[in-house]
């Protein structure tokens, strides 16, 4: 994930390899201003 590579990111809260919160943490650590839309829905 490179800084400034996207206009917006849409991530799921629960993804197979990492969580949406981990993505937000990575963006914050890089001071990346990319807006994020997070889908918190869960399926059974």
PDB file of N, CA and C in Angstrom:
ATOM      1  N   UNK A   1       0.851  -1.163   0.000  1.00  0.00           N
ATOM      2  CA  UNK A   1       0.000   0.000   0.000  1.00  0.00           C
ATOM      3  C   UNK A   1       0.902   1.234   0.000  1.00  0.00           C
ATOM      4  N   UNK A   2       0.847   1.999  -1.058  1.00  0.00           N
ATOM      5  CA  UNK A   2       1.665   3.197  -1.146  1.00  0.00           C
ATOM      6  C   UNK A   2       0.847   4.423  -0.782  1.00  0.00           C
ATOM      7  N   UNK A   3       1.488   5.374  -0.137  1.00  0.00           N
ATOM      8  CA  UNK A   3       0.818   6.599   0.287  1.00  0.00           C
ATOM      9  C   UNK A   3       0.314   7.388  -0.915  1.00  0.00           C
ATOM     10  N   UNK A   4      -0.956   7.804  -0.840  1.00  0.00           N
ATOM     11  CA  UNK A   4      -1.525   8.642  -1.889  1.00  0.00           C
ATOM     12  C   UNK A   4      -1.856   7.920  -3.172  1.00  0.00           C
ATOM     13  N   UNK A   5      -1.893   6.593  -3.152  1.00  0.00           N
ATOM     14  CA  UNK A   5      -2.137   5.840  -4.364  1.00  0.00           C
ATOM     15  C   UNK A   5      -3.605   5.724  -4.754  1.00  0.00           C
ATOM     16  N   UNK A   6      -4.516   6.079  -3.838  1.00  0.00           N
ATOM     17  CA  UNK A   6      -5.943   5.904  -4.092  1.00  0.00           C
ATOM     18  C   UNK A   6      -6.713   7.153  -3.679  1.00  0.00           C
ATOM     19  N   UNK A   7      -7.833   7.400  -4.343  1.00  0.00           N
ATOM     20  CA  UNK A   7      -8.697   8.520  -3.977  1.00  0.00           C
ATOM     21  C   UNK A   7      -9.486   8.198  -2.711  1.00  0.00           C
ATOM     22  N   UNK A   8      -9.875   6.926  -2.560  1.00  0.00           N
ATOM     23  CA  UNK A   8     -10.606   6.455  -1.379  1.00  0.00           C
ATOM     24  C   UNK A   8     -10.394   4.943  -1.264  1.00  0.00           C
ATOM     25  N   UNK A   9     -10.403   4.437  -0.040  1.00  0.00           N
ATOM     26  CA  UNK A   9     -10.319   2.991   0.186  1.00  0.00           C
ATOM     27  C   UNK A   9     -11.623   2.512   0.794  1.00  0.00           C
ATOM     28  N   UNK A  10     -12.112   1.364   0.339  1.00  0.00           N
ATOM     29  CA  UNK A  10     -13.261   0.727   0.963  1.00  0.00           C
ATOM     30  C   UNK A  10     -12.787  -0.616   1.475  1.00  0.00           C
ATOM     31  N   UNK A  11     -12.870  -0.792   2.787  1.00  0.00           N
ATOM     32  CA  UNK A  11     -12.385  -2.027   3.400  1.00  0.00           C
ATOM     33  C   UNK A  11     -13.470  -2.640   4.260  1.00  0.00           C
ATOM     34  N   UNK A  12     -13.369  -3.921   4.444  1.00  0.00           N
ATOM     35  CA  UNK A  12     -14.273  -4.657   5.313  1.00  0.00           C
ATOM     36  C   UNK A  12     -13.633  -4.716   6.692  1.00  0.00           C
ATOM     37  N   UNK A  13     -14.433  -4.684   7.728  1.00  0.00           N
ATOM     38  CA  UNK A  13     -13.897  -4.767   9.077  1.00  0.00           C
ATOM     39  C   UNK A  13     -13.163  -6.093   9.272  1.00  0.00           C
ATOM     40  N   UNK A  14     -13.714  -7.176   8.755  1.00  0.00           N
ATOM     41  CA  UNK A  14     -13.101  -8.497   8.905  1.00  0.00           C
ATOM     42  C   UNK A  14     -12.724  -9.049   7.532  1.00  0.00           C
ATOM     43  N   UNK A  15     -11.429  -8.976   7.212  1.00  0.00           N
ATOM     44  CA  UNK A  15     -10.911  -9.511   5.952  1.00  0.00           C
ATOM     45  C   UNK A  15     -10.056 -10.730   6.271  1.00  0.00           C
ATOM     46  N   UNK A  16      -9.754 -11.568   5.291  1.00  0.00           N
ATOM     47  CA  UNK A  16      -9.021 -12.807   5.558  1.00  0.00           C
ATOM     48  C   UNK A  16      -7.622 -12.607   6.170  1.00  0.00           C
ATOM     49  N   UNK A  17      -6.854 -11.640   5.697  1.00  0.00           N
ATOM     50  CA  UNK A  17      -5.467 -11.507   6.136  1.00  0.00           C
ATOM     51  C   UNK A  17      -5.239 -10.443   7.196  1.00  0.00           C
ATOM     52  N   UNK A  18      -6.095  -9.442   7.259  1.00  0.00           N
ATOM     53  CA  UNK A  18      -5.975  -8.377   8.249  1.00  0.00           C
ATOM     54  C   UNK A  18      -7.328  -7.725   8.432  1.00  0.00           C
ATOM     55  N   UNK A  19      -7.449  -6.912   9.465  1.00  0.00           N
ATOM     56  CA  UNK A  19      -8.732  -6.252   9.715  1.00  0.00           C
ATOM     57  C   UNK A  19      -8.719  -4.838   9.151  1.00  0.00           C
ATOM     58  N   UNK A  20      -9.891  -4.290   8.995  1.00  0.00           N
ATOM     59  CA  UNK A  20      -9.996  -2.909   8.551  1.00  0.00           C
ATOM     60  C   UNK A  20      -9.317  -1.952   9.524  1.00  0.00           C
ATOM     61  N   UNK A  21      -9.348  -2.297  10.819  1.00  0.00           N
ATOM     62  CA  UNK A  21      -8.676  -1.458  11.813  1.00  0.00           C
ATOM     63  C   UNK A  21      -7.162  -1.494  11.634  1.00  0.00           C
ATOM     64  N   UNK A  22      -6.630  -2.628  11.205  1.00  0.00           N
ATOM     65  CA  UNK A  22      -5.196  -2.702  10.916  1.00  0.00           C
ATOM     66  C   UNK A  22      -4.841  -1.823   9.712  1.00  0.00           C
ATOM     67  N   UNK A  23      -5.716  -1.801   8.721  1.00  0.00           N
ATOM     68  CA  UNK A  23      -5.501  -0.927   7.560  1.00  0.00           C
ATOM     69  C   UNK A  23      -5.481   0.528   8.013  1.00  0.00           C
ATOM     70  N   UNK A  24      -6.444   0.916   8.865  1.00  0.00           N
ATOM     71  CA  UNK A  24      -6.476   2.287   9.377  1.00  0.00           C
ATOM     72  C   UNK A  24      -5.211   2.610  10.163  1.00  0.00           C
ATOM     73  N   UNK A  25      -4.742   1.652  10.965  1.00  0.00           N
ATOM     74  CA  UNK A  25      -3.514   1.857  11.726  1.00  0.00           C
ATOM     75  C   UNK A  25      -2.318   2.076  10.827  1.00  0.00           C
ATOM     76  N   UNK A  26      -2.235   1.318   9.745  1.00  0.00           N
ATOM     77  CA  UNK A  26      -1.135   1.471   8.792  1.00  0.00           C
ATOM     78  C   UNK A  26      -1.190   2.835   8.110  1.00  0.00           C
ATOM     79  N   UNK A  27      -2.379   3.254   7.720  1.00  0.00           N
ATOM     80  CA  UNK A  27      -2.529   4.566   7.093  1.00  0.00           C
ATOM     81  C   UNK A  27      -2.145   5.685   8.062  1.00  0.00           C
ATOM     82  N   UNK A  28      -2.571   5.549   9.306  1.00  0.00           N
ATOM     83  CA  UNK A  28      -2.240   6.548  10.322  1.00  0.00           C
ATOM     84  C   UNK A  28      -0.732   6.608  10.552  1.00  0.00           C
ATOM     85  N   UNK A  29      -0.083   5.458  10.639  1.00  0.00           N
ATOM     86  CA  UNK A  29       1.364   5.407  10.851  1.00  0.00           C
ATOM     87  C   UNK A  29       2.119   6.081   9.707  1.00  0.00           C
ATOM     88  N   UNK A  30       1.552   6.025   8.510  1.00  0.00           N
ATOM     89  CA  UNK A  30       2.199   6.631   7.342  1.00  0.00           C
ATOM     90  C   UNK A  30       1.747   8.072   7.099  1.00  0.00           C
ATOM     91  N   UNK A  31       0.893   8.583   7.982  1.00  0.00           N
ATOM     92  CA  UNK A  31       0.313   9.925   7.796  1.00  0.00           C
ATOM     93  C   UNK A  31      -0.358  10.057   6.435  1.00  0.00           C
ATOM     94  N   UNK A  32      -1.022   8.992   6.007  1.00  0.00           N
ATOM     95  CA  UNK A  32      -1.698   8.963   4.708  1.00  0.00           C
ATOM     96  C   UNK A  32      -3.103   9.538   4.864  1.00  0.00           C
ATOM     97  N   UNK A  33      -3.436  10.594   4.118  1.00  0.00           N
ATOM     98  CA  UNK A  33      -4.739  11.239   4.261  1.00  0.00           C
ATOM     99  C   UNK A  33      -5.869  10.588   3.453  1.00  0.00           C
ATOM    100  N   UNK A  34      -5.631   9.433   2.852  1.00  0.00           N
ATOM    101  CA  UNK A  34      -6.647   8.779   2.032  1.00  0.00           C
ATOM    102  C   UNK A  34      -7.901   8.486   2.857  1.00  0.00           C
ATOM    103  N   UNK A  35      -9.073   8.928   2.411  1.00  0.00           N
ATOM    104  CA  UNK A  35     -10.315   8.622   3.129  1.00  0.00           C
ATOM    105  C   UNK A  35     -10.626   7.131   3.053  1.00  0.00           C
ATOM    106  N   UNK A  36     -11.234   6.619   4.130  1.00  0.00           N
ATOM    107  CA  UNK A  36     -11.556   5.192   4.211  1.00  0.00           C
ATOM    108  C   UNK A  36     -13.037   5.017   4.510  1.00  0.00           C
ATOM    109  N   UNK A  37     -13.674   4.147   3.753  1.00  0.00           N
ATOM    110  CA  UNK A  37     -15.047   3.717   4.038  1.00  0.00           C
ATOM    111  C   UNK A  37     -14.921   2.300   4.551  1.00  0.00           C
ATOM    112  N   UNK A  38     -15.450   2.044   5.760  1.00  0.00           N
ATOM    113  CA  UNK A  38     -15.341   0.708   6.358  1.00  0.00           C
ATOM    114  C   UNK A  38     -16.714   0.068   6.445  1.00  0.00           C
ATOM    115  N   UNK A  39     -16.806  -1.169   6.008  1.00  0.00           N
ATOM    116  CA  UNK A  39     -18.053  -1.939   6.069  1.00  0.00           C
ATOM    117  C   UNK A  39     -17.996  -2.836   7.310  1.00  0.00           C
ATOM    118  N   UNK A  40     -18.782  -2.539   8.331  1.00  0.00           N
ATOM    119  CA  UNK A  40     -18.728  -3.328   9.553  1.00  0.00           C
ATOM    120  C   UNK A  40     -19.672  -4.528   9.579  1.00  0.00           C
ATOM    121  N   UNK A  41     -20.317  -4.830   8.456  1.00  0.00           N
ATOM    122  CA  UNK A  41     -21.318  -5.900   8.468  1.00  0.00           C
ATOM    123  C   UNK A  41     -20.686  -7.270   8.661  1.00  0.00           C
ATOM    124  N   UNK A  42     -21.452  -8.158   9.252  1.00  0.00           N
ATOM    125  CA  UNK A  42     -21.028  -9.541   9.465  1.00  0.00           C
ATOM    126  C   UNK A  42     -22.061 -10.467   8.847  1.00  0.00           C
ATOM    127  N   UNK A  43     -21.591 -11.589   8.349  1.00  0.00           N
ATOM    128  CA  UNK A  43     -22.511 -12.593   7.814  1.00  0.00           C
ATOM    129  C   UNK A  43     -22.424 -13.843   8.673  1.00  0.00           C
ATOM    130  N   UNK A  44     -23.476 -14.601   8.658  1.00  0.00           N
ATOM    131  CA  UNK A  44     -23.500 -15.844   9.450  1.00  0.00           C
ATOM    132  C   UNK A  44     -23.063 -17.008   8.631  1.00  0.00           C
TER     133      UNK A  44
END
